């Protein structure tokens, strides 16, 4: 009986870290604005986990969330700096020659 209670408490201590870890993976997969939002939430969940009950999952989750955040910021900057002007250039070329 005591073992089951201790096992249940141990499992409950890792729940927030596992959620943050999962959000860290999602933040890497979903780059862009969604990736930034998910990375911020996941980072704070893992940070909370590490303050209350440090776990390896929480530590890895922090790293994954930081990577996801950085990738999302780089993606948005690349989109604004490189892709957006190229798309506008292509649209202008197509407007200059509508029948072509």
Protein backbone atom coordinates (compact mmCIF):
# COMPACT_ATOMS: atom_id res chain seq x y z
CA UNK A 1 0.00 0.00 0.00
CA UNK A 2 2.81 2.39 0.89
CA UNK A 3 4.69 1.56 -2.33
CA UNK A 4 1.68 2.40 -4.50
CA UNK A 5 1.22 5.74 -2.74
CA UNK A 6 4.92 6.63 -3.18
CA UNK A 7 4.81 5.53 -6.83
CA UNK A 8 1.72 7.67 -7.45
CA UNK A 9 3.37 10.72 -5.84
CA UNK A 10 6.52 10.22 -7.92
CA UNK A 11 4.46 10.01 -11.10
CA UNK A 12 2.57 13.18 -10.21
CA UNK A 13 5.81 15.06 -9.59
CA UNK A 14 6.93 14.53 -13.17
CA UNK A 15 3.68 15.48 -14.93
CA UNK A 16 4.52 19.14 -15.45
CA UNK A 17 8.00 18.29 -16.72
CA UNK A 18 6.59 15.80 -19.20
CA UNK A 19 4.08 18.39 -20.44
CA UNK A 20 6.87 20.96 -20.87
CA UNK A 21 9.04 18.37 -22.62
CA UNK A 22 6.22 17.60 -25.05
CA UNK A 23 5.68 21.29 -25.74
CA UNK A 24 9.42 21.62 -26.39
CA UNK A 25 9.22 19.01 -29.12
CA UNK A 26 6.14 20.71 -30.60
CA UNK A 27 7.87 24.10 -30.55
CA UNK A 28 10.64 22.67 -32.73
CA UNK A 29 8.17 21.11 -35.16
CA UNK A 30 5.83 24.12 -35.36
CA UNK A 31 8.18 26.98 -36.21
CA UNK A 32 6.77 30.48 -36.51
CA UNK A 33 4.40 32.32 -34.20
CA UNK A 34 2.90 29.08 -32.91
CA UNK A 35 6.36 27.76 -32.11
CA UNK A 36 7.20 30.87 -30.11
CA UNK A 37 3.99 30.69 -28.07
CA UNK A 38 4.35 26.96 -27.40
CA UNK A 39 8.04 27.34 -26.48
CA UNK A 40 7.29 30.06 -23.94
CA UNK A 41 4.57 28.01 -22.23
CA UNK A 42 6.71 24.85 -22.28
CA UNK A 43 9.73 26.72 -20.93
CA UNK A 44 7.83 28.01 -17.92
CA UNK A 45 6.31 24.59 -17.24
CA UNK A 46 9.76 22.99 -17.24
CA UNK A 47 11.17 25.80 -15.14
CA UNK A 48 8.40 25.25 -12.58
CA UNK A 49 9.14 21.53 -12.64
CA UNK A 50 12.84 22.13 -12.01
CA UNK A 51 12.13 24.44 -9.06
CA UNK A 52 9.72 22.04 -7.35
CA UNK A 53 11.19 18.62 -8.18
CA UNK A 54 14.21 18.62 -10.52
CA UNK A 55 14.02 15.88 -13.13
CA UNK A 56 15.95 14.96 -16.23
CA UNK A 57 12.79 15.39 -18.33
CA UNK A 58 12.38 18.95 -17.08
CA UNK A 59 15.99 19.81 -17.87
CA UNK A 60 15.77 18.38 -21.39
CA UNK A 61 12.44 20.18 -21.84
CA UNK A 62 14.06 23.53 -21.05
CA UNK A 63 16.72 22.89 -23.68
CA UNK A 64 14.15 21.82 -26.28
CA UNK A 65 11.99 24.88 -25.63
CA UNK A 66 14.96 27.22 -26.01
CA UNK A 67 15.90 25.51 -29.29
CA UNK A 68 12.30 25.77 -30.52
CA UNK A 69 12.12 29.45 -29.58
CA UNK A 70 15.39 30.28 -31.35
CA UNK A 71 14.40 28.33 -34.47
CA UNK A 72 11.05 30.11 -34.61
CA UNK A 73 12.65 33.54 -34.28
CA UNK A 74 15.21 32.70 -36.98
CA UNK A 75 12.42 31.47 -39.26
CA UNK A 76 10.37 34.64 -38.81
CA UNK A 77 13.40 36.89 -39.37
CA UNK A 78 14.36 34.94 -42.51
CA UNK A 79 10.80 35.19 -43.76
CA UNK A 80 10.61 38.94 -43.27
CA UNK A 81 14.11 39.70 -44.57
CA UNK A 82 14.38 37.29 -47.49
CA UNK A 83 11.13 35.68 -48.57
CA UNK A 84 8.71 38.59 -48.23
CA UNK A 85 10.65 40.94 -50.59
CA UNK A 86 11.09 38.10 -53.10
CA UNK A 87 7.36 37.40 -53.09
CA UNK A 88 6.59 41.09 -53.61
CA UNK A 89 9.05 41.18 -56.51
CA UNK A 90 7.37 38.20 -58.17
CA UNK A 91 3.93 39.77 -57.74
CA UNK A 92 5.13 43.01 -59.32
CA UNK A 93 6.63 41.13 -62.27
CA UNK A 94 3.36 39.29 -62.84
CA UNK A 95 1.40 42.57 -62.74
CA UNK A 96 3.73 44.14 -65.33
CA UNK A 97 3.04 41.32 -67.80
CA UNK A 98 -0.55 40.20 -67.14
CA UNK A 99 -0.96 38.26 -70.39
CA UNK A 100 2.39 36.50 -70.28
